[in-house]
Amino acid sequence: MTTATPTLAGSLVALITPFSDGKVDERAFQALVDWQIKEGTHGLVPCGTTGESPTLSHEEHRRLVELCVEVADRRVPVVAGTGSNSTAEAISLTKHAKAVGADAALVVTPYYNKPTQEGLYQHFKAIHDAADLPIIIYNIPGRSVIDMSVATMARLAALPNIVGVKDATADLARPLRTRVEIGADFIQLSGEDATATGFLAQGGVGCISVTANVAPRLCAEMHNAWNRGDMVEMARIRDLLMPLHHAMFVETSPAPVKYAAHLLGLCRPELRLPLVETTPATQEMVRAALVHTGLLG
């Protein structure tokens, strides 16, 4: 059986996970999800890297996906982060996402293990064969060390439920090469906020965004402008957001975006070790960027 692919395009938010005194702040998370939808975000991605998935217990991970699906209530697609460097664990999380009503899964290339291209193919094929859910490959060499080749991605795209990629290579030749090799129906989503519009021009259809945690309306409106062909408005928002994109990554994400969310009253700036809260210099940069974009007075 092949599950129908949801419409995945525009601004999808890589959701942060709010914590309070070491525990997941479920109320803050649910409020964030609802606010995102009301602000125009086109899709939700819980339990990815931005959601600090490496430090979530399996119980917390599953609970967050359930909460996200519940609050979304089919208003926008939910793409659950279900990746792991253990194939069996990734299968378990993907099956759970399917069971609770997620629309798709975001599965990262296995980190630390350093599989070969054949190992990558077999890992994703095993998940594909075990869980009947559309899968977005998350290719992020900067965190996982390995880079899935276009050729391997093309092999995987031949499987009916491998439907797209979140490309965090920052290589703007990659989406065009992928489009030519695999075809226009393969969903290509940028994983790099600062190059999102360039990615669109090279064959992409959207971005899984860190910045959208705190600027959901602007991020969504930028994509809306692109889709209706309003390049002047798209460029205006692109330029307005650039200082904020930069500020979100001056320290390891999601520390800066959590501080930004804290300034907006969305959650506490708390992270889990080994990540720590931002330095005063970064805090000032984040605050200045929010003021620049008009998000903070």
C-alpha atoms as a PDB file:
ATOM      1  CA  MET A   1       0.000   0.000   0.000  1.00  0.00           C
ATOM      2  CA  THR A   2       1.205   3.517  -0.805  1.00  0.00           C
ATOM      3  CA  THR A   3       0.054   6.474   1.259  1.00  0.00           C
ATOM      4  CA  ALA A   4      -1.044   9.603  -0.599  1.00  0.00           C
ATOM      5  CA  THR A   5       1.609  12.294  -0.458  1.00  0.00           C
ATOM      6  CA  PRO A   6       0.472  15.448   1.363  1.00  0.00           C
ATOM      7  CA  THR A   7       1.083  18.872  -0.140  1.00  0.00           C
ATOM      8  CA  LEU A   8       4.429  19.878   1.307  1.00  0.00           C
ATOM      9  CA  ALA A   9       5.554  23.301   0.141  1.00  0.00           C
ATOM     10  CA  GLY A  10       6.143  26.823   1.351  1.00  0.00           C
ATOM     11  CA  SER A  11       7.256  27.544   4.918  1.00  0.00           C
ATOM     12  CA  LEU A  12       7.327  24.523   7.208  1.00  0.00           C
ATOM     13  CA  VAL A  13       8.583  25.198  10.721  1.00  0.00           C
ATOM     14  CA  ALA A  14      11.230  23.033  12.387  1.00  0.00           C
ATOM     15  CA  LEU A  15       9.603  23.280  15.791  1.00  0.00           C
ATOM     16  CA  ILE A  16      11.580  23.940  18.951  1.00  0.00           C
ATOM     17  CA  THR A  17      10.755  21.852  22.031  1.00  0.00           C
ATOM     18  CA  PRO A  18      10.001  24.093  25.033  1.00  0.00           C
ATOM     19  CA  PHE A  19      11.379  22.900  28.360  1.00  0.00           C
ATOM     20  CA  SER A  20      10.594  23.986  31.897  1.00  0.00           C
ATOM     21  CA  ASP A  21      12.827  22.821  34.738  1.00  0.00           C
ATOM     22  CA  GLY A  22      14.139  19.966  32.642  1.00  0.00           C
ATOM     23  CA  LYS A  23      10.758  18.676  31.497  1.00  0.00           C
ATOM     24  CA  VAL A  24       8.926  19.136  28.208  1.00  0.00           C
ATOM     25  CA  ASP A  25       6.557  22.093  28.552  1.00  0.00           C
ATOM     26  CA  GLU A  26       3.546  20.568  26.818  1.00  0.00           C
ATOM     27  CA  ARG A  27       1.358  23.627  27.274  1.00  0.00           C
ATOM     28  CA  ALA A  28       3.929  25.942  25.682  1.00  0.00           C
ATOM     29  CA  PHE A  29       4.458  23.461  22.844  1.00  0.00           C
ATOM     30  CA  GLN A  30       0.752  23.214  22.087  1.00  0.00           C
ATOM     31  CA  ALA A  31       0.369  26.994  22.187  1.00  0.00           C
ATOM     32  CA  LEU A  32       3.329  27.344  19.819  1.00  0.00           C
ATOM     33  CA  VAL A  33       1.807  24.893  17.341  1.00  0.00           C
ATOM     34  CA  ASP A  34      -1.554  26.655  17.366  1.00  0.00           C
ATOM     35  CA  TRP A  35       0.083  30.091  16.983  1.00  0.00           C
ATOM     36  CA  GLN A  36       2.143  28.844  14.061  1.00  0.00           C
ATOM     37  CA  ILE A  37      -0.951  27.729  12.181  1.00  0.00           C
ATOM     38  CA  LYS A  38      -2.811  30.957  12.902  1.00  0.00           C
ATOM     39  CA  GLU A  39       0.210  32.935  11.648  1.00  0.00           C
ATOM     40  CA  GLY A  40       0.078  31.140   8.300  1.00  0.00           C
ATOM     41  CA  THR A  41       2.774  28.478   8.560  1.00  0.00           C
ATOM     42  CA  HIS A  42       2.283  25.876   5.826  1.00  0.00           C
ATOM     43  CA  GLY A  43       3.472  22.819   7.765  1.00  0.00           C
ATOM     44  CA  LEU A  44       4.829  21.575  11.098  1.00  0.00           C
ATOM     45  CA  VAL A  45       7.953  19.512  11.768  1.00  0.00           C
ATOM     46  CA  PRO A  46       8.198  18.313  15.386  1.00  0.00           C
ATOM     47  CA  CYS A  47      11.115  16.355  16.823  1.00  0.00           C
ATOM     48  CA  GLY A  48      13.804  17.306  14.351  1.00  0.00           C
ATOM     49  CA  THR A  49      17.263  18.616  15.219  1.00  0.00           C
ATOM     50  CA  THR A  50      15.760  22.003  16.127  1.00  0.00           C
ATOM     51  CA  GLY A  51      13.458  20.165  18.520  1.00  0.00           C
ATOM     52  CA  GLU A  52      16.512  18.709  20.300  1.00  0.00           C
ATOM     53  CA  SER A  53      15.519  15.186  19.317  1.00  0.00           C
ATOM     54  CA  PRO A  54      18.890  13.685  20.403  1.00  0.00           C
ATOM     55  CA  THR A  55      18.062  14.470  24.042  1.00  0.00           C
ATOM     56  CA  LEU A  56      14.397  13.488  23.990  1.00  0.00           C
ATOM     57  CA  SER A  57      13.423  10.165  25.480  1.00  0.00           C
ATOM     58  CA  HIS A  58      11.411   7.877  23.244  1.00  0.00           C
ATOM     59  CA  GLU A  59       8.359   8.596  25.384  1.00  0.00           C
ATOM     60  CA  GLU A  60       8.833  12.367  25.045  1.00  0.00           C
ATOM     61  CA  HIS A  61       9.436  12.067  21.317  1.00  0.00           C
ATOM     62  CA  ARG A  62       6.260  10.120  20.725  1.00  0.00           C
ATOM     63  CA  ARG A  63       4.238  12.395  22.999  1.00  0.00           C
ATOM     64  CA  LEU A  64       5.356  15.522  21.120  1.00  0.00           C
ATOM     65  CA  VAL A  65       4.330  14.034  17.779  1.00  0.00           C
ATOM     66  CA  GLU A  66       0.958  13.116  19.250  1.00  0.00           C
ATOM     67  CA  LEU A  67       0.462  16.634  20.659  1.00  0.00           C
ATOM     68  CA  CYS A  68       1.434  18.231  17.358  1.00  0.00           C
ATOM     69  CA  VAL A  69      -0.989  16.077  15.365  1.00  0.00           C
ATOM     70  CA  GLU A  70      -3.745  16.754  17.903  1.00  0.00           C
ATOM     71  CA  VAL A  71      -3.363  20.532  17.830  1.00  0.00           C
ATOM     72  CA  ALA A  72      -2.846  20.698  14.059  1.00  0.00           C
ATOM     73  CA  ASP A  73      -6.144  18.863  13.594  1.00  0.00           C
ATOM     74  CA  ARG A  74      -5.519  18.490   9.842  1.00  0.00           C
ATOM     75  CA  ARG A  75      -5.256  22.261   9.341  1.00  0.00           C
ATOM     76  CA  VAL A  76      -1.708  21.874   8.003  1.00  0.00           C
ATOM     77  CA  PRO A  77       0.501  18.813   7.386  1.00  0.00           C
ATOM     78  CA  VAL A  78       2.608  17.361  10.189  1.00  0.00           C
ATOM     79  CA  VAL A  79       5.978  15.934   9.151  1.00  0.00           C
ATOM     80  CA  ALA A  80       7.256  14.044  12.167  1.00  0.00           C
ATOM     81  CA  GLY A  81      10.970  13.749  12.748  1.00  0.00           C
ATOM     82  CA  THR A  82      11.570  10.010  13.064  1.00  0.00           C
ATOM     83  CA  GLY A  83      15.208   9.582  12.113  1.00  0.00           C
ATOM     84  CA  SER A  84      17.927   7.761  14.019  1.00  0.00           C
ATOM     85  CA  ASN A  85      21.327   6.213  13.421  1.00  0.00           C
ATOM     86  CA  SER A  86      19.645   2.960  14.462  1.00  0.00           C
ATOM     87  CA  THR A  87      17.479   1.627  11.647  1.00  0.00           C
ATOM     88  CA  ALA A  88      15.285  -0.309  14.070  1.00  0.00           C
ATOM     89  CA  GLU A  89      14.680   2.822  16.145  1.00  0.00           C
ATOM     90  CA  ALA A  90      13.833   4.868  13.046  1.00  0.00           C
ATOM     91  CA  ILE A  91      11.361   2.197  11.962  1.00  0.00           C
ATOM     92  CA  SER A  92       9.711   2.216  15.395  1.00  0.00           C
ATOM     93  CA  LEU A  93       9.363   6.018  15.458  1.00  0.00           C
ATOM     94  CA  THR A  94       8.065   6.122  11.885  1.00  0.00           C
ATOM     95  CA  LYS A  95       5.467   3.445  12.592  1.00  0.00           C
ATOM     96  CA  HIS A  96       4.336   5.444  15.603  1.00  0.00           C
ATOM     97  CA  ALA A  97       4.065   8.639  13.541  1.00  0.00           C
ATOM     98  CA  LYS A  98       1.891   6.789  11.047  1.00  0.00           C
ATOM     99  CA  ALA A  99      -0.301   5.317  13.790  1.00  0.00           C
ATOM    100  CA  VAL A 100      -1.037   8.692  15.423  1.00  0.00           C
ATOM    101  CA  GLY A 101      -1.875  10.504  12.203  1.00  0.00           C
ATOM    102  CA  ALA A 102       1.265  12.293  11.019  1.00  0.00           C
ATOM    103  CA  ASP A 103       1.195  13.114   7.318  1.00  0.00           C
ATOM    104  CA  ALA A 104       4.831  12.287   6.581  1.00  0.00           C
ATOM    105  CA  ALA A 105       8.141  11.504   8.269  1.00  0.00           C
ATOM    106  CA  LEU A 106      11.425  13.396   8.151  1.00  0.00           C
ATOM    107  CA  VAL A 107      14.243  10.854   8.361  1.00  0.00           C
ATOM    108  CA  VAL A 108      17.815  12.061   8.789  1.00  0.00           C
ATOM    109  CA  THR A 109      20.798  10.305   7.276  1.00  0.00           C
ATOM    110  CA  PRO A 110      22.413   8.179  10.022  1.00  0.00           C
ATOM    111  CA  TYR A 111      24.914  10.221  11.990  1.00  0.00           C
ATOM    112  CA  TYR A 112      28.175   8.920  13.515  1.00  0.00           C
ATOM    113  CA  ASN A 113      27.901   5.444  11.924  1.00  0.00           C
ATOM    114  CA  LYS A 114      29.095   6.836   8.553  1.00  0.00           C
ATOM    115  CA  PRO A 115      27.310   4.296   6.315  1.00  0.00           C
ATOM    116  CA  THR A 116      28.296   3.910   2.674  1.00  0.00           C
ATOM    117  CA  GLN A 117      25.921   4.994  -0.093  1.00  0.00           C
ATOM    118  CA  GLU A 118      24.674   1.398  -0.217  1.00  0.00           C
ATOM    119  CA  GLY A 119      24.159   1.495   3.547  1.00  0.00           C
ATOM    120  CA  LEU A 120      22.151   4.697   3.181  1.00  0.00           C
ATOM    121  CA  TYR A 121      19.993   3.080   0.523  1.00  0.00           C
ATOM    122  CA  GLN A 122      19.334  -0.014   2.623  1.00  0.00           C
ATOM    123  CA  HIS A 123      18.590   2.064   5.748  1.00  0.00           C
ATOM    124  CA  PHE A 124      15.933   4.166   4.025  1.00  0.00           C
ATOM    125  CA  LYS A 125      14.543   1.186   2.112  1.00  0.00           C
ATOM    126  CA  ALA A 126      14.086  -0.723   5.368  1.00  0.00           C
ATOM    127  CA  ILE A 127      12.153   2.174   6.894  1.00  0.00           C
ATOM    128  CA  HIS A 128      10.140   2.582   3.702  1.00  0.00           C
ATOM    129  CA  ASP A 129       9.227  -1.097   3.610  1.00  0.00           C
ATOM    130  CA  ALA A 130       8.272  -1.257   7.297  1.00  0.00           C
ATOM    131  CA  ALA A 131       6.182   1.912   7.658  1.00  0.00           C
ATOM    132  CA  ASP A 132       3.515   3.021   5.195  1.00  0.00           C
ATOM    133  CA  LEU A 133       4.167   6.755   5.421  1.00  0.00           C
ATOM    134  CA  PRO A 134       5.607   9.298   2.959  1.00  0.00           C
ATOM    135  CA  ILE A 135       9.272   9.882   3.797  1.00  0.00           C
ATOM    136  CA  ILE A 136      11.321  13.035   3.376  1.00  0.00           C
ATOM    137  CA  ILE A 137      15.057  12.314   3.388  1.00  0.00           C
ATOM    138  CA  TYR A 138      16.959  14.773   5.586  1.00  0.00           C
ATOM    139  CA  ASN A 139      20.407  15.290   4.079  1.00  0.00           C
ATOM    140  CA  ILE A 140      22.583  17.373   6.414  1.00  0.00           C
ATOM    141  CA  PRO A 141      26.282  16.579   6.037  1.00  0.00           C
ATOM    142  CA  GLY A 142      27.274  19.274   8.544  1.00  0.00           C
ATOM    143  CA  ARG A 143      25.698  17.316  11.397  1.00  0.00           C
ATOM    144  CA  SER A 144      25.680  13.725  10.161  1.00  0.00           C
ATOM    145  CA  VAL A 145      29.118  13.763   8.435  1.00  0.00           C
ATOM    146  CA  ILE A 146      27.849  11.812   5.422  1.00  0.00           C
ATOM    147  CA  ASP A 147      26.335  13.269   2.254  1.00  0.00           C
ATOM    148  CA  MET A 148      23.749  11.303   0.306  1.00  0.00           C
ATOM    149  CA  SER A 149      24.635  11.467  -3.378  1.00  0.00           C
ATOM    150  CA  VAL A 150      22.118  12.460  -6.026  1.00  0.00           C
ATOM    151  CA  ALA A 151      22.498   8.978  -7.490  1.00  0.00           C
ATOM    152  CA  THR A 152      21.550   7.315  -4.202  1.00  0.00           C
ATOM    153  CA  MET A 153      18.643   9.690  -3.774  1.00  0.00           C
ATOM    154  CA  ALA A 154      17.444   8.809  -7.275  1.00  0.00           C
ATOM    155  CA  ARG A 155      17.534   5.106  -6.373  1.00  0.00           C
ATOM    156  CA  LEU A 156      15.459   5.801  -3.289  1.00  0.00           C
ATOM    157  CA  ALA A 157      13.039   8.056  -5.178  1.00  0.00           C
ATOM    158  CA  ALA A 158      12.043   5.014  -7.219  1.00  0.00           C
ATOM    159  CA  LEU A 159      10.386   3.674  -4.051  1.00  0.00           C
ATOM    160  CA  PRO A 160       6.783   4.930  -3.888  1.00  0.00           C
ATOM    161  CA  ASN A 161       6.899   6.432  -0.388  1.00  0.00           C
ATOM    162  CA  ILE A 162      10.256   8.206  -0.705  1.00  0.00           C
ATOM    163  CA  VAL A 163       8.770  11.509  -1.786  1.00  0.00           C
ATOM    164  CA  GLY A 164      11.325  14.247  -1.206  1.00  0.00           C
ATOM    165  CA  VAL A 165      14.342  15.720   0.523  1.00  0.00           C
ATOM    166  CA  LYS A 166      15.166  18.346   3.101  1.00  0.00           C
ATOM    167  CA  ASP A 167      18.446  19.607   1.671  1.00  0.00           C
ATOM    168  CA  ALA A 168      20.744  21.256   4.217  1.00  0.00           C
ATOM    169  CA  THR A 169      23.893  21.099   2.101  1.00  0.00           C
ATOM    170  CA  ALA A 170      23.763  24.858   1.255  1.00  0.00           C
ATOM    171  CA  ASP A 171      24.813  23.776  -2.253  1.00  0.00           C
ATOM    172  CA  LEU A 172      22.512  25.658  -4.621  1.00  0.00           C
ATOM    173  CA  ALA A 173      23.546  23.494  -7.553  1.00  0.00           C
ATOM    174  CA  ARG A 174      22.169  20.438  -5.743  1.00  0.00           C
ATOM    175  CA  PRO A 175      18.414  21.076  -6.115  1.00  0.00           C
ATOM    176  CA  LEU A 176      18.764  21.647  -9.863  1.00  0.00           C
ATOM    177  CA  ARG A 177      20.871  18.519 -10.293  1.00  0.00           C
ATOM    178  CA  THR A 178      18.299  16.589  -8.252  1.00  0.00           C
ATOM    179  CA  ARG A 179      15.389  17.994 -10.268  1.00  0.00           C
ATOM    180  CA  VAL A 180      17.038  17.026 -13.554  1.00  0.00           C
ATOM    181  CA  GLU A 181      17.959  13.557 -12.275  1.00  0.00           C
ATOM    182  CA  ILE A 182      14.744  12.651 -10.417  1.00  0.00           C
ATOM    183  CA  GLY A 183      12.038  14.936 -11.811  1.00  0.00           C
ATOM    184  CA  ALA A 184       9.881  17.858 -10.814  1.00  0.00           C
ATOM    185  CA  ASP A 185       7.500  15.773  -8.677  1.00  0.00           C
ATOM    186  CA  PHE A 186      10.218  14.956  -6.127  1.00  0.00           C
ATOM    187  CA  ILE A 187       9.625  17.400  -3.251  1.00  0.00           C
ATOM    188  CA  GLN A 188      12.688  19.501  -2.516  1.00  0.00           C
ATOM    189  CA  LEU A 189      12.663  21.531   0.695  1.00  0.00           C
ATOM    190  CA  SER A 190      15.565  23.714   1.772  1.00  0.00           C
ATOM    191  CA  GLY A 191      17.040  23.213   5.210  1.00  0.00           C
ATOM    192  CA  GLU A 192      18.907  26.524   5.112  1.00  0.00           C
ATOM    193  CA  ASP A 193      16.913  29.682   5.852  1.00  0.00           C
ATOM    194  CA  ALA A 194      19.434  32.109   4.376  1.00  0.00           C
ATOM    195  CA  THR A 195      19.426  30.443   0.954  1.00  0.00           C
ATOM    196  CA  ALA A 196      15.748  29.476   0.832  1.00  0.00           C
ATOM    197  CA  THR A 197      14.797  31.785  -2.033  1.00  0.00           C
ATOM    198  CA  GLY A 198      17.838  30.771  -4.060  1.00  0.00           C
ATOM    199  CA  PHE A 199      16.790  27.176  -3.475  1.00  0.00           C
ATOM    200  CA  LEU A 200      13.338  27.963  -4.847  1.00  0.00           C
ATOM    201  CA  ALA A 201      14.893  29.401  -7.997  1.00  0.00           C
ATOM    202  CA  GLN A 202      16.880  26.187  -8.466  1.00  0.00           C
ATOM    203  CA  GLY A 203      13.913  23.829  -8.298  1.00  0.00           C
ATOM    204  CA  GLY A 204      12.850  23.752  -4.665  1.00  0.00           C
ATOM    205  CA  VAL A 205       9.289  24.194  -3.420  1.00  0.00           C
ATOM    206  CA  GLY A 206       9.771  25.297   0.179  1.00  0.00           C
ATOM    207  CA  CYS A 207      11.874  25.452   3.319  1.00  0.00           C
ATOM    208  CA  ILE A 208      11.885  23.656   6.664  1.00  0.00           C
ATOM    209  CA  SER A 209      12.720  26.727   8.669  1.00  0.00           C
ATOM    210  CA  VAL A 210      14.297  27.501  12.033  1.00  0.00           C
ATOM    211  CA  THR A 211      13.521  31.214  11.728  1.00  0.00           C
ATOM    212  CA  ALA A 212       9.815  30.450  11.274  1.00  0.00           C
ATOM    213  CA  ASN A 213       9.645  29.565  14.970  1.00  0.00           C
ATOM    214  CA  VAL A 214       9.671  33.296  15.713  1.00  0.00           C
ATOM    215  CA  ALA A 215       8.735  34.849  12.341  1.00  0.00           C
ATOM    216  CA  PRO A 216       6.110  32.462  10.962  1.00  0.00           C
ATOM    217  CA  ARG A 217       4.023  35.077   9.176  1.00  0.00           C
ATOM    218  CA  LEU A 218       6.970  36.702   7.416  1.00  0.00           C
ATOM    219  CA  CYS A 219       8.418  33.334   6.366  1.00  0.00           C
ATOM    220  CA  ALA A 220       5.052  32.168   5.034  1.00  0.00           C
ATOM    221  CA  GLU A 221       4.380  35.459   3.242  1.00  0.00           C
ATOM    222  CA  MET A 222       7.767  35.288   1.539  1.00  0.00           C
ATOM    223  CA  HIS A 223       6.850  31.923   0.039  1.00  0.00           C
ATOM    224  CA  ASN A 224       3.347  33.120  -0.804  1.00  0.00           C
ATOM    225  CA  ALA A 225       4.859  36.066  -2.687  1.00  0.00           C
ATOM    226  CA  TRP A 226       7.154  33.722  -4.615  1.00  0.00           C
ATOM    227  CA  ASN A 227       4.254  31.450  -5.551  1.00  0.00           C
ATOM    228  CA  ARG A 228       2.138  34.289  -6.934  1.00  0.00           C
ATOM    229  CA  GLY A 229       5.093  35.706  -8.846  1.00  0.00           C
ATOM    230  CA  ASP A 230       5.501  38.861  -6.740  1.00  0.00           C
ATOM    231  CA  MET A 231       9.271  39.035  -6.822  1.00  0.00           C
ATOM    232  CA  VAL A 232       9.387  42.572  -5.382  1.00  0.00           C
ATOM    233  CA  GLU A 233       7.556  41.552  -2.209  1.00  0.00           C
ATOM    234  CA  MET A 234       9.490  38.297  -1.978  1.00  0.00           C
ATOM    235  CA  ALA A 235      12.780  40.214  -2.149  1.00  0.00           C
ATOM    236  CA  ARG A 236      11.619  42.755   0.421  1.00  0.00           C
ATOM    237  CA  ILE A 237      10.829  40.047   2.962  1.00  0.00           C
ATOM    238  CA  ARG A 238      13.971  38.068   2.066  1.00  0.00           C
ATOM    239  CA  ASP A 239      16.146  41.076   2.801  1.00  0.00           C
ATOM    240  CA  LEU A 240      14.228  41.970   5.955  1.00  0.00           C
ATOM    241  CA  LEU A 241      14.706  38.469   7.364  1.00  0.00           C
ATOM    242  CA  MET A 242      18.408  38.079   6.605  1.00  0.00           C
ATOM    243  CA  PRO A 243      19.738  39.558   9.891  1.00  0.00           C
ATOM    244  CA  LEU A 244      17.373  37.266  11.792  1.00  0.00           C
ATOM    245  CA  HIS A 245      18.516  34.214   9.801  1.00  0.00           C
ATOM    246  CA  HIS A 246      22.097  35.120  10.629  1.00  0.00           C
ATOM    247  CA  ALA A 247      21.366  35.594  14.318  1.00  0.00           C
ATOM    248  CA  MET A 248      19.692  32.188  14.551  1.00  0.00           C
ATOM    249  CA  PHE A 249      22.969  30.439  13.748  1.00  0.00           C
ATOM    250  CA  VAL A 250      25.723  32.456  15.416  1.00  0.00           C
ATOM    251  CA  GLU A 251      25.737  29.727  18.068  1.00  0.00           C
ATOM    252  CA  THR A 252      24.608  26.136  17.755  1.00  0.00           C
ATOM    253  CA  SER A 253      20.915  25.945  16.908  1.00  0.00           C
ATOM    254  CA  PRO A 254      18.440  25.907  18.612  1.00  0.00           C
ATOM    255  CA  ALA A 255      20.030  28.031  21.363  1.00  0.00           C
ATOM    256  CA  PRO A 256      19.568  31.392  19.555  1.00  0.00           C
ATOM    257  CA  VAL A 257      16.042  30.659  18.336  1.00  0.00           C
ATOM    258  CA  LYS A 258      15.007  29.536  21.811  1.00  0.00           C
ATOM    259  CA  TYR A 259      16.270  32.812  23.209  1.00  0.00           C
ATOM    260  CA  ALA A 260      14.340  34.655  20.487  1.00  0.00           C
ATOM    261  CA  ALA A 261      11.207  32.673  21.357  1.00  0.00           C
ATOM    262  CA  HIS A 262      11.753  33.589  25.006  1.00  0.00           C
ATOM    263  CA  LEU A 263      11.908  37.299  24.114  1.00  0.00           C
ATOM    264  CA  LEU A 264       8.569  36.910  22.328  1.00  0.00           C
ATOM    265  CA  GLY A 265       7.021  35.190  25.356  1.00  0.00           C
ATOM    266  CA  LEU A 266       6.634  31.830  23.639  1.00  0.00           C
ATOM    267  CA  CYS A 267       8.707  29.690  25.985  1.00  0.00           C
ATOM    268  CA  ARG A 268      11.673  29.660  28.319  1.00  0.00           C
ATOM    269  CA  PRO A 269      15.167  29.780  26.741  1.00  0.00           C
ATOM    270  CA  GLU A 270      16.024  26.473  28.423  1.00  0.00           C
ATOM    271  CA  LEU A 271      17.940  23.773  26.554  1.00  0.00           C
ATOM    272  CA  ARG A 272      19.194  20.326  27.456  1.00  0.00           C
ATOM    273  CA  LEU A 273      22.859  19.524  27.862  1.00  0.00           C
ATOM    274  CA  PRO A 274      25.170  19.320  26.048  1.00  0.00           C
ATOM    275  CA  LEU A 275      23.607  22.485  24.578  1.00  0.00           C
ATOM    276  CA  VAL A 276      23.661  25.601  26.738  1.00  0.00           C
ATOM    277  CA  GLU A 277      21.941  28.963  26.627  1.00  0.00           C
ATOM    278  CA  THR A 278      23.350  31.737  24.485  1.00  0.00           C
ATOM    279  CA  THR A 279      26.044  34.213  25.515  1.00  0.00           C
ATOM    280  CA  PRO A 280      25.185  37.862  26.250  1.00  0.00           C
ATOM    281  CA  ALA A 281      26.705  38.901  22.910  1.00  0.00           C
ATOM    282  CA  THR A 282      24.472  36.505  21.021  1.00  0.00           C
ATOM    283  CA  GLN A 283      21.463  37.586  23.031  1.00  0.00           C
ATOM    284  CA  GLU A 284      22.060  41.178  21.993  1.00  0.00           C
ATOM    285  CA  MET A 285      22.376  40.139  18.352  1.00  0.00           C
ATOM    286  CA  VAL A 286      19.138  38.146  18.537  1.00  0.00           C
ATOM    287  CA  ARG A 287      17.306  41.023  20.200  1.00  0.00           C
ATOM    288  CA  ALA A 288      18.567  43.482  17.578  1.00  0.00           C
ATOM    289  CA  ALA A 289      17.473  41.193  14.741  1.00  0.00           C
ATOM    290  CA  LEU A 290      13.972  40.860  16.195  1.00  0.00           C
ATOM    291  CA  VAL A 291      13.719  44.628  16.493  1.00  0.00           C
ATOM    292  CA  HIS A 292      14.967  45.032  12.906  1.00  0.00           C
ATOM    293  CA  THR A 293      12.231  42.763  11.582  1.00  0.00           C
ATOM    294  CA  GLY A 294       9.544  44.530  13.648  1.00  0.00           C
ATOM    295  CA  LEU A 295       8.853  41.478  15.788  1.00  0.00           C
ATOM    296  CA  LEU A 296      10.030  43.131  18.996  1.00  0.00           C
ATOM    297  CA  GLY A 297       9.496  46.710  20.091  1.00  0.00           C
END
